[in-house]
Amino acid sequence: MKFNFKLKISLIPIVAAIPLYLFCKKRWKILKGVDYETLAFFVGMFIVTDALTKDPLFANITKGGGLNPVSDLAVIINSLF
């Protein structure tokens, strides 16, 4: 039997947290204990890193070095800037 079910990677944490928030009696304590500042930092970091991989200046620098602009090494080099 083959399932043709696709789940976006961004929805995986939400799906994993749904039972916790639905059935746990300490759901409000859990929500208050989330480190929202760190979550916001990582969201911002991923947005900036994605923008750098699409920026022509940084793409040309990494391409000039023979790298794919979205390769791991190119992202690390762009992040250093």
N, C-alpha and C. Protein backbone atom coordinates (compact mmCIF):
# COMPACT_ATOMS: atom_id res chain seq x y z
N MET A 1 0.85 -1.17 0.00
CA MET A 1 0.00 0.00 0.00
C MET A 1 0.89 1.24 0.00
N LYS A 2 0.62 2.15 -0.89
CA LYS A 2 1.42 3.36 -1.01
C LYS A 2 0.58 4.56 -0.61
N PHE A 3 1.16 5.35 0.31
CA PHE A 3 0.48 6.57 0.74
C PHE A 3 1.06 7.74 -0.03
N ASN A 4 0.23 8.60 -0.49
CA ASN A 4 0.66 9.78 -1.22
C ASN A 4 0.39 11.01 -0.36
N PHE A 5 0.95 11.01 0.84
CA PHE A 5 0.71 12.07 1.81
C PHE A 5 1.97 12.89 1.95
N LYS A 6 1.86 14.20 1.72
CA LYS A 6 3.00 15.09 1.86
C LYS A 6 2.73 16.08 2.98
N LEU A 7 3.75 16.25 3.82
CA LEU A 7 3.66 17.18 4.94
C LEU A 7 4.83 18.16 4.82
N LYS A 8 4.53 19.44 4.78
CA LYS A 8 5.59 20.43 4.69
C LYS A 8 6.44 20.37 5.96
N ILE A 9 7.73 20.58 5.78
CA ILE A 9 8.65 20.48 6.91
C ILE A 9 8.32 21.52 7.99
N SER A 10 7.77 22.65 7.60
CA SER A 10 7.42 23.69 8.58
C SER A 10 6.23 23.29 9.45
N LEU A 11 5.45 22.32 9.01
CA LEU A 11 4.28 21.89 9.79
C LEU A 11 4.60 20.77 10.79
N ILE A 12 5.75 20.15 10.66
CA ILE A 12 6.09 19.01 11.52
C ILE A 12 6.08 19.40 13.00
N PRO A 13 6.72 20.50 13.42
CA PRO A 13 6.66 20.85 14.85
C PRO A 13 5.25 21.17 15.33
N ILE A 14 4.45 21.76 14.46
CA ILE A 14 3.08 22.09 14.85
C ILE A 14 2.28 20.81 15.07
N VAL A 15 2.41 19.87 14.15
CA VAL A 15 1.70 18.58 14.27
C VAL A 15 2.17 17.85 15.52
N ALA A 16 3.47 17.93 15.81
CA ALA A 16 4.00 17.25 17.00
C ALA A 16 3.51 17.89 18.29
N ALA A 17 3.26 19.21 18.28
CA ALA A 17 2.85 19.91 19.49
C ALA A 17 1.35 19.87 19.74
N ILE A 18 0.56 19.58 18.74
CA ILE A 18 -0.90 19.58 18.89
C ILE A 18 -1.38 18.66 20.03
N PRO A 19 -0.93 17.40 20.09
CA PRO A 19 -1.41 16.56 21.20
C PRO A 19 -1.01 17.10 22.57
N LEU A 20 0.18 17.68 22.65
CA LEU A 20 0.64 18.24 23.92
C LEU A 20 -0.28 19.36 24.38
N TYR A 21 -0.62 20.27 23.47
CA TYR A 21 -1.46 21.40 23.84
C TYR A 21 -2.93 21.02 24.00
N LEU A 22 -3.36 19.96 23.34
CA LEU A 22 -4.76 19.54 23.48
C LEU A 22 -5.01 18.75 24.76
N PHE A 23 -4.07 17.88 25.12
CA PHE A 23 -4.34 16.93 26.19
C PHE A 23 -3.57 17.18 27.48
N CYS A 24 -2.62 18.07 27.49
CA CYS A 24 -1.84 18.34 28.70
C CYS A 24 -2.55 19.38 29.55
N LYS A 25 -2.58 19.15 30.85
CA LYS A 25 -3.25 20.09 31.75
C LYS A 25 -2.40 21.33 32.03
N LYS A 26 -1.10 21.25 31.74
CA LYS A 26 -0.20 22.38 32.00
C LYS A 26 0.12 23.14 30.71
N ARG A 27 -0.82 23.17 29.78
CA ARG A 27 -0.54 23.78 28.47
C ARG A 27 -0.20 25.25 28.57
N TRP A 28 -0.84 25.99 29.47
CA TRP A 28 -0.55 27.43 29.59
C TRP A 28 0.83 27.66 30.18
N LYS A 29 1.22 26.79 31.11
CA LYS A 29 2.56 26.89 31.69
C LYS A 29 3.62 26.59 30.63
N ILE A 30 3.33 25.63 29.77
CA ILE A 30 4.26 25.29 28.69
C ILE A 30 4.37 26.46 27.72
N LEU A 31 3.24 27.05 27.33
CA LEU A 31 3.26 28.19 26.41
C LEU A 31 4.01 29.39 26.99
N LYS A 32 3.85 29.61 28.29
CA LYS A 32 4.55 30.73 28.93
C LYS A 32 6.04 30.45 29.06
N GLY A 33 6.44 29.19 29.10
CA GLY A 33 7.84 28.83 29.27
C GLY A 33 8.65 28.76 27.99
N VAL A 34 8.00 28.97 26.86
CA VAL A 34 8.71 28.92 25.58
C VAL A 34 9.62 30.14 25.47
N ASP A 35 10.83 29.92 25.01
CA ASP A 35 11.79 31.01 24.84
C ASP A 35 11.54 31.66 23.47
N TYR A 36 10.63 32.62 23.45
CA TYR A 36 10.22 33.24 22.19
C TYR A 36 11.33 34.10 21.59
N GLU A 37 12.20 34.65 22.43
CA GLU A 37 13.29 35.47 21.91
C GLU A 37 14.23 34.63 21.06
N THR A 38 14.55 33.41 21.52
CA THR A 38 15.42 32.54 20.75
C THR A 38 14.74 32.09 19.47
N LEU A 39 13.45 31.79 19.52
CA LEU A 39 12.72 31.42 18.31
C LEU A 39 12.74 32.56 17.30
N ALA A 40 12.53 33.78 17.77
CA ALA A 40 12.55 34.94 16.87
C ALA A 40 13.94 35.14 16.27
N PHE A 41 14.98 34.91 17.08
CA PHE A 41 16.35 35.03 16.58
C PHE A 41 16.59 34.05 15.43
N PHE A 42 16.21 32.79 15.61
CA PHE A 42 16.44 31.80 14.58
C PHE A 42 15.61 32.07 13.33
N VAL A 43 14.38 32.51 13.50
CA VAL A 43 13.56 32.87 12.33
C VAL A 43 14.25 33.98 11.55
N GLY A 44 14.72 35.00 12.25
CA GLY A 44 15.43 36.10 11.59
C GLY A 44 16.71 35.64 10.93
N MET A 45 17.44 34.75 11.60
CA MET A 45 18.69 34.24 11.03
C MET A 45 18.44 33.48 9.74
N PHE A 46 17.40 32.64 9.72
CA PHE A 46 17.09 31.88 8.51
C PHE A 46 16.63 32.80 7.38
N ILE A 47 15.90 33.84 7.70
CA ILE A 47 15.46 34.80 6.68
C ILE A 47 16.65 35.52 6.08
N VAL A 48 17.57 35.98 6.93
CA VAL A 48 18.76 36.69 6.45
C VAL A 48 19.64 35.75 5.62
N THR A 49 19.84 34.53 6.09
CA THR A 49 20.67 33.57 5.36
C THR A 49 20.05 33.27 4.00
N ASP A 50 18.75 33.11 3.94
CA ASP A 50 18.08 32.87 2.65
C ASP A 50 18.24 34.07 1.73
N ALA A 51 18.12 35.27 2.29
CA ALA A 51 18.29 36.48 1.47
C ALA A 51 19.72 36.56 0.94
N LEU A 52 20.69 36.19 1.75
CA LEU A 52 22.08 36.23 1.29
C LEU A 52 22.34 35.24 0.16
N THR A 53 21.71 34.08 0.22
CA THR A 53 21.93 33.10 -0.85
C THR A 53 21.30 33.56 -2.16
N LYS A 54 20.32 34.45 -2.08
CA LYS A 54 19.65 34.95 -3.29
C LYS A 54 20.21 36.30 -3.75
N ASP A 55 21.03 36.94 -2.91
CA ASP A 55 21.60 38.24 -3.26
C ASP A 55 22.63 38.08 -4.36
N PRO A 56 22.55 38.89 -5.43
CA PRO A 56 23.48 38.73 -6.55
C PRO A 56 24.95 38.93 -6.16
N LEU A 57 25.22 39.87 -5.24
CA LEU A 57 26.60 40.12 -4.84
C LEU A 57 27.23 38.87 -4.23
N PHE A 58 26.58 38.29 -3.26
CA PHE A 58 27.12 37.11 -2.60
C PHE A 58 27.07 35.88 -3.51
N ALA A 59 26.05 35.81 -4.36
CA ALA A 59 25.98 34.70 -5.31
C ALA A 59 27.16 34.75 -6.27
N ASN A 60 27.53 35.95 -6.73
CA ASN A 60 28.66 36.09 -7.63
C ASN A 60 29.98 35.75 -6.95
N ILE A 61 30.10 36.12 -5.67
CA ILE A 61 31.32 35.80 -4.94
C ILE A 61 31.48 34.29 -4.81
N THR A 62 30.41 33.60 -4.43
CA THR A 62 30.50 32.15 -4.26
C THR A 62 30.63 31.44 -5.60
N LYS A 63 29.95 31.95 -6.63
CA LYS A 63 30.08 31.35 -7.96
C LYS A 63 31.49 31.56 -8.50
N GLY A 64 32.07 32.73 -8.20
CA GLY A 64 33.43 33.01 -8.63
C GLY A 64 34.43 32.05 -8.00
N GLY A 65 34.09 31.57 -6.82
CA GLY A 65 34.94 30.59 -6.14
C GLY A 65 34.61 29.17 -6.55
N GLY A 66 33.69 29.02 -7.51
CA GLY A 66 33.33 27.70 -7.99
C GLY A 66 32.34 26.97 -7.11
N LEU A 67 31.60 27.70 -6.28
CA LEU A 67 30.64 27.08 -5.37
C LEU A 67 29.21 27.31 -5.84
N ASN A 68 28.36 26.37 -5.53
CA ASN A 68 26.92 26.54 -5.74
C ASN A 68 26.43 27.51 -4.65
N PRO A 69 25.72 28.60 -4.99
CA PRO A 69 25.31 29.58 -3.98
C PRO A 69 24.46 29.03 -2.84
N VAL A 70 23.83 27.88 -3.04
CA VAL A 70 23.02 27.31 -1.95
C VAL A 70 23.68 26.10 -1.31
N SER A 71 24.97 25.87 -1.60
CA SER A 71 25.67 24.76 -0.96
C SER A 71 25.97 25.12 0.49
N ASP A 72 26.26 24.13 1.29
CA ASP A 72 26.54 24.35 2.71
C ASP A 72 27.71 25.31 2.90
N LEU A 73 28.79 25.08 2.17
CA LEU A 73 29.98 25.92 2.32
C LEU A 73 29.69 27.37 1.90
N ALA A 74 28.93 27.56 0.84
CA ALA A 74 28.59 28.91 0.40
C ALA A 74 27.72 29.62 1.43
N VAL A 75 26.79 28.92 2.04
CA VAL A 75 25.94 29.52 3.07
C VAL A 75 26.80 29.92 4.28
N ILE A 76 27.75 29.07 4.65
CA ILE A 76 28.64 29.40 5.78
C ILE A 76 29.47 30.63 5.46
N ILE A 77 30.03 30.67 4.25
CA ILE A 77 30.84 31.83 3.86
C ILE A 77 29.98 33.10 3.84
N ASN A 78 28.79 33.02 3.27
CA ASN A 78 27.89 34.18 3.25
C ASN A 78 27.49 34.60 4.66
N SER A 79 27.32 33.65 5.56
CA SER A 79 26.92 33.97 6.93
C SER A 79 28.03 34.70 7.66
N LEU A 80 29.27 34.43 7.30
CA LEU A 80 30.37 35.12 7.94
C LEU A 80 30.36 36.62 7.62
N PHE A 81 29.90 36.97 6.42
CA PHE A 81 29.79 38.37 6.04
C PHE A 81 28.63 39.03 6.78
